[in-house]
């Protein structure tokens, strides 16, 4: 025997939070001239949250912003999870992604 449950019919549009609020941050303020890039990279790799990779926002000197998972440093290059090499001298600013 199944219990009888009253189900109210919905005769209106339901608006969830995506219709009310949608946030995309395109403009990333990253530049901090007080700490140089090599020290920032060293701090990322030395942090306790770094296990085998770290997602970072990178601002290149040609003003291109990229988000990559970095896993190592070798020969003045950052090695990404995809196997891509990013020259550290081409980086204007770097910080951990949120």
Protein backbone atom coordinates (compact mmCIF):
# COMPACT_ATOMS: atom_id res chain seq x y z
CA UNK A 1 0.00 0.00 0.00
CA UNK A 2 1.47 3.31 -1.13
CA UNK A 3 0.73 6.47 0.82
CA UNK A 4 -1.24 9.14 -0.97
CA UNK A 5 0.77 12.33 -1.46
CA UNK A 6 -0.69 15.61 -2.63
CA UNK A 7 1.24 17.05 -5.58
CA UNK A 8 0.46 20.63 -6.41
CA UNK A 9 0.54 21.46 -10.13
CA UNK A 10 2.89 24.25 -11.22
CA UNK A 11 1.31 26.63 -13.72
CA UNK A 12 4.05 29.26 -13.91
CA UNK A 13 7.63 29.66 -15.09
CA UNK A 14 10.16 28.76 -12.45
CA UNK A 15 13.11 31.11 -12.33
CA UNK A 16 16.20 29.69 -10.75
CA UNK A 17 19.22 31.69 -9.65
CA UNK A 18 20.92 31.48 -13.04
CA UNK A 19 18.15 33.63 -14.50
CA UNK A 20 18.48 36.09 -11.65
CA UNK A 21 22.26 36.26 -11.27
CA UNK A 22 25.01 35.11 -13.60
CA UNK A 23 28.60 36.24 -12.94
CA UNK A 24 31.57 35.89 -15.26
CA UNK A 25 34.77 37.70 -14.42
CA UNK A 26 36.60 38.48 -17.64
CA UNK A 27 38.87 41.23 -16.41
CA UNK A 28 41.47 39.78 -14.05
CA UNK A 29 43.49 42.31 -12.10
CA UNK A 30 46.78 40.54 -11.58
CA UNK A 31 49.68 42.95 -11.76
CA UNK A 32 51.63 43.31 -8.53
CA UNK A 33 55.04 44.86 -9.09
CA UNK A 34 56.21 44.36 -5.51
CA UNK A 35 57.01 40.66 -6.06
CA UNK A 36 58.79 39.41 -9.15
CA UNK A 37 57.49 36.52 -11.23
CA UNK A 38 60.14 33.98 -10.25
CA UNK A 39 59.35 34.46 -6.55
CA UNK A 40 55.62 34.10 -7.25
CA UNK A 41 56.25 30.84 -9.10
CA UNK A 42 58.47 29.60 -6.27
CA UNK A 43 55.72 30.44 -3.74
CA UNK A 44 53.14 28.53 -5.81
CA UNK A 45 55.32 25.40 -5.91
CA UNK A 46 56.28 25.74 -2.22
CA UNK A 47 52.69 26.09 -0.99
CA UNK A 48 51.12 23.30 1.04
CA UNK A 49 48.21 23.04 -1.41
CA UNK A 50 50.53 22.05 -4.29
CA UNK A 51 50.51 18.27 -4.66
CA UNK A 52 51.23 17.55 -8.33
CA UNK A 53 49.64 20.47 -10.18
CA UNK A 54 48.38 23.97 -9.60
CA UNK A 55 45.88 25.93 -11.70
CA UNK A 56 47.20 29.44 -12.36
CA UNK A 57 46.21 32.60 -14.20
CA UNK A 58 49.09 33.76 -16.38
CA UNK A 59 49.39 37.21 -17.94
CA UNK A 60 51.93 37.16 -20.75
CA UNK A 61 53.97 40.18 -21.86
CA UNK A 62 51.89 40.39 -25.07
CA UNK A 63 48.76 40.93 -22.83
CA UNK A 64 47.32 37.46 -23.42
CA UNK A 65 45.67 35.94 -20.35
CA UNK A 66 45.67 32.17 -20.02
CA UNK A 67 44.63 29.66 -17.36
CA UNK A 68 46.82 26.56 -17.17
CA UNK A 69 47.59 23.66 -14.84
CA UNK A 70 51.32 23.81 -14.14
CA UNK A 71 53.23 20.79 -12.87
CA UNK A 72 56.96 21.64 -12.99
CA UNK A 73 59.77 24.07 -13.80
CA UNK A 74 62.57 23.06 -16.15
CA UNK A 75 65.20 25.17 -17.92
CA UNK A 76 63.43 28.53 -17.27
CA UNK A 77 60.13 27.07 -18.55
CA UNK A 78 56.90 26.19 -16.81
CA UNK A 79 55.66 22.75 -17.83
CA UNK A 80 51.87 22.42 -18.05
CA UNK A 81 49.74 19.33 -17.59
CA UNK A 82 49.23 19.33 -21.39
CA UNK A 83 53.00 19.12 -21.96
CA UNK A 84 53.22 22.72 -23.13
CA UNK A 85 56.24 24.85 -22.20
CA UNK A 86 55.77 28.48 -21.17
CA UNK A 87 58.94 30.57 -21.00
CA UNK A 88 59.18 32.33 -17.62
CA UNK A 89 60.73 35.40 -19.30
CA UNK A 90 57.50 35.83 -21.33
CA UNK A 91 55.35 36.01 -18.17
CA UNK A 92 54.34 39.43 -16.91
CA UNK A 93 52.33 38.19 -13.91
CA UNK A 94 51.13 34.91 -12.43
CA UNK A 95 48.79 33.95 -9.61
CA UNK A 96 46.84 30.94 -8.41
CA UNK A 97 43.43 30.59 -10.06
CA UNK A 98 40.34 30.57 -7.93
